[in-house]
Amino acid sequence: MAKDGEPVTVCLVFTTLEHKPLNKNYFNYLWKGGLEAIGAIKALNDKPVGKGRKWGECRDKMMHYALRHLFASEAINEGVDVYTLADLLGHEDPAFTLRRYVHRVTGAVEKARKAIGRRYRAAA
């Protein structure tokens, strides 16, 4: 594609130096090693990364979890209703989705005030 060409949508695949798809387990070892390096998690043993190193529970710090939170937060901020979002995330209970993500709504009070104001003005 040329620099000024039409945009295209592609599947993003992380690859190794050999241009093979990056194994998710290897990615997780690298990710956890980075988290350990910045002090976000602690190792449970002294083995090297990728060679049996183990870390404490850190699911809430993994890339998949972070991307789900980003998606949900942006969806809520853009007005996606909680029932649709719960369905997209695979949550059976929309209340779970609310407990997990609604605190991330940027400017929620101002959005609510404006929405109610528009309703009242339209009814007048």
Protein backbone atom coordinates (compact mmCIF):
# COMPACT_ATOMS: atom_id res chain seq x y z
CA MET A 1 0.00 0.00 0.00
CA ALA A 2 1.30 3.45 -0.87
CA LYS A 3 1.70 6.07 1.85
CA ASP A 4 -1.13 8.11 0.37
CA GLY A 5 -3.20 5.10 -0.73
CA GLU A 6 -6.59 3.96 0.47
CA PRO A 7 -6.73 2.67 4.08
CA VAL A 8 -7.14 -1.09 4.44
CA THR A 9 -8.17 -3.29 7.33
CA VAL A 10 -5.86 -6.18 8.19
CA CYS A 11 -5.56 -8.80 10.91
CA LEU A 12 -2.83 -7.79 13.31
CA VAL A 13 -0.53 -10.68 14.13
CA PHE A 14 2.51 -10.35 16.35
CA THR A 15 5.38 -12.35 14.87
CA THR A 16 8.74 -13.71 15.89
CA LEU A 17 12.01 -12.72 14.22
CA GLU A 18 11.35 -15.65 11.87
CA HIS A 19 7.99 -14.07 10.87
CA LYS A 20 5.97 -16.84 12.52
CA PRO A 21 2.92 -16.06 14.68
CA LEU A 22 3.93 -15.31 18.26
CA ASN A 23 2.78 -18.05 20.62
CA LYS A 24 0.42 -16.63 23.25
CA ASN A 25 2.21 -18.47 26.06
CA TYR A 26 5.55 -17.00 25.00
CA PHE A 27 3.97 -13.56 24.75
CA ASN A 28 2.60 -13.97 28.28
CA TYR A 29 6.05 -14.91 29.60
CA LEU A 30 7.52 -11.80 27.98
CA TRP A 31 4.65 -9.66 29.27
CA LYS A 32 5.01 -11.00 32.81
CA GLY A 33 8.75 -10.42 32.66
CA GLY A 34 8.05 -6.79 31.78
CA LEU A 35 5.50 -6.49 34.59
CA GLU A 36 8.06 -7.90 37.00
CA ALA A 37 10.71 -5.48 35.75
CA ILE A 38 8.51 -2.49 36.63
CA GLY A 39 7.53 -3.97 40.01
CA ALA A 40 3.88 -4.72 39.12
CA ILE A 41 4.20 -8.45 39.94
CA LYS A 42 6.67 -10.67 41.80
CA ALA A 43 8.31 -13.92 40.72
CA LEU A 44 7.75 -17.08 42.76
CA ASN A 45 11.02 -18.73 41.70
CA ASP A 46 14.45 -17.85 40.31
CA LYS A 47 14.18 -19.61 36.93
CA PRO A 48 14.71 -17.46 33.82
CA VAL A 49 11.82 -15.99 31.85
CA GLY A 50 10.65 -18.55 29.29
CA LYS A 51 12.46 -21.36 31.12
CA GLY A 52 10.01 -22.13 33.90
CA ARG A 53 9.78 -18.84 35.75
CA LYS A 54 6.55 -18.58 37.74
CA TRP A 55 4.76 -15.51 38.98
CA GLY A 56 2.00 -14.85 41.48
CA GLU A 57 -1.60 -14.44 40.31
CA CYS A 58 -1.71 -11.51 37.90
CA ARG A 59 -4.64 -12.11 35.55
CA ASP A 60 -5.86 -8.55 36.05
CA LYS A 61 -2.57 -7.25 34.66
CA MET A 62 -2.43 -9.35 31.49
CA MET A 63 -2.80 -7.88 27.98
CA HIS A 64 -6.12 -9.67 27.26
CA TYR A 65 -7.63 -8.25 30.44
CA ALA A 66 -6.30 -4.77 29.69
CA LEU A 67 -7.73 -4.83 26.16
CA ARG A 68 -11.15 -6.00 27.43
CA HIS A 69 -11.19 -3.14 29.94
CA LEU A 70 -10.19 -0.65 27.26
CA PHE A 71 -12.90 -1.92 24.90
CA ALA A 72 -15.59 -1.87 27.59
CA SER A 73 -14.60 1.56 28.90
CA GLU A 74 -14.58 3.09 25.43
CA ALA A 75 -17.91 1.45 24.57
CA ILE A 76 -19.52 2.84 27.74
CA ASN A 77 -18.02 6.28 27.08
CA GLU A 78 -19.44 6.23 23.55
CA GLY A 79 -22.93 5.39 24.79
CA VAL A 80 -23.20 1.64 24.17
CA ASP A 81 -25.94 0.38 26.45
CA VAL A 82 -24.97 -2.01 29.22
CA TYR A 83 -27.11 -4.88 27.87
CA THR A 84 -25.36 -4.81 24.49
CA LEU A 85 -21.95 -4.46 26.13
CA ALA A 86 -22.63 -7.36 28.51
CA ASP A 87 -23.60 -9.50 25.54
CA LEU A 88 -20.46 -8.53 23.61
CA LEU A 89 -18.26 -9.34 26.60
CA GLY A 90 -20.00 -12.64 27.26
CA HIS A 91 -21.43 -11.60 30.63
CA GLU A 92 -24.73 -13.29 31.52
CA ASP A 93 -25.60 -10.57 34.02
CA PRO A 94 -25.51 -6.91 32.90
CA ALA A 95 -25.18 -5.96 36.57
CA PHE A 96 -21.75 -7.61 36.56
CA THR A 97 -20.78 -5.42 33.61
CA LEU A 98 -22.03 -2.33 35.45
CA ARG A 99 -20.05 -3.19 38.58
CA ARG A 100 -16.93 -3.82 36.53
CA TYR A 101 -16.95 -0.89 34.09
CA VAL A 102 -19.46 1.87 34.85
CA HIS A 103 -17.03 3.69 37.14
CA ARG A 104 -14.92 4.40 34.05
CA VAL A 105 -17.48 6.64 32.36
CA THR A 106 -15.83 9.98 31.65
CA GLY A 107 -18.05 12.95 32.47
CA ALA A 108 -21.07 10.76 33.29
CA VAL A 109 -22.84 13.37 35.42
CA GLU A 110 -22.51 16.04 32.72
CA LYS A 111 -23.71 13.61 30.01
CA ALA A 112 -26.76 12.70 32.09
CA ARG A 113 -27.57 16.36 32.82
CA LYS A 114 -27.41 17.27 29.11
CA ALA A 115 -29.49 14.24 28.05
CA ILE A 116 -32.27 15.05 30.53
CA GLY A 117 -32.12 18.72 29.52
CA ARG A 118 -32.59 17.80 25.84
CA ARG A 119 -35.63 15.65 26.73
CA TYR A 120 -37.30 18.42 28.70
CA ARG A 121 -36.63 21.00 25.99
CA ALA A 122 -38.02 18.66 23.32
CA ALA A 123 -41.20 18.07 25.36
CA ALA A 124 -41.83 21.79 25.87
